[in-house]
């Protein structure tokens, strides 16, 4: 987010209001606690926690 235009878009996003239907759709699409895949690529695993 180094470009001024990116910062402007990020600030504008703070003014977005989601309806109850929007939030329900997001909850259905991305249920809390349900994840898929590893957090890091396998090649990174040996170097984590150093």
Protein backbone atom coordinates (compact mmCIF):
# COMPACT_ATOMS: atom_id res chain seq x y z
CA UNK A 1 0.00 0.00 0.00
CA UNK A 2 2.81 2.37 -0.82
CA UNK A 3 1.10 4.37 -3.55
CA UNK A 4 -1.04 7.38 -2.65
CA UNK A 5 -3.90 6.04 -4.78
CA UNK A 6 -3.82 2.79 -2.79
CA UNK A 7 -3.99 4.71 0.47
CA UNK A 8 -6.93 6.74 -0.83
CA UNK A 9 -8.82 3.55 -1.75
CA UNK A 10 -8.09 2.02 1.65
CA UNK A 11 -9.41 5.12 3.43
CA UNK A 12 -12.55 5.10 1.26
CA UNK A 13 -13.13 1.46 2.18
CA UNK A 14 -13.57 2.50 5.81
CA UNK A 15 -16.82 4.20 4.77
CA UNK A 16 -18.36 1.02 3.34
CA UNK A 17 -21.37 -0.20 5.28
CA UNK A 18 -22.36 -3.84 4.98
CA UNK A 19 -25.97 -4.87 5.40
CA UNK A 20 -27.09 -7.82 7.49
CA UNK A 21 -27.54 -9.78 4.24
CA UNK A 22 -23.98 -8.90 3.18
CA UNK A 23 -22.60 -10.10 6.51
CA UNK A 24 -24.66 -13.30 6.37
CA UNK A 25 -23.33 -14.03 2.87
CA UNK A 26 -19.76 -13.49 4.05
CA UNK A 27 -20.32 -15.70 7.10
CA UNK A 28 -21.70 -18.45 4.85
CA UNK A 29 -18.80 -18.15 2.40
CA UNK A 30 -16.09 -17.96 5.07
CA UNK A 31 -17.26 -19.77 8.23
CA UNK A 32 -15.30 -18.97 11.38
CA UNK A 33 -12.88 -21.75 12.28
CA UNK A 34 -12.89 -23.38 8.85
CA UNK A 35 -9.56 -23.17 7.08
CA UNK A 36 -8.06 -24.83 4.03
CA UNK A 37 -4.42 -25.36 3.34
CA UNK A 38 -1.28 -24.58 5.22
CA UNK A 39 -0.51 -21.13 6.53
CA UNK A 40 2.98 -21.18 5.03
CA UNK A 41 4.49 -23.01 2.07
CA UNK A 42 6.20 -26.26 3.04
CA UNK A 43 9.61 -24.85 2.06
CA UNK A 44 9.28 -22.14 4.77
CA UNK A 45 8.45 -24.51 7.61
CA UNK A 46 12.05 -25.34 8.69
CA UNK A 47 12.91 -21.64 9.12
CA UNK A 48 9.87 -20.67 11.21
CA UNK A 49 10.40 -19.82 14.85
CA UNK A 50 14.03 -18.84 14.54
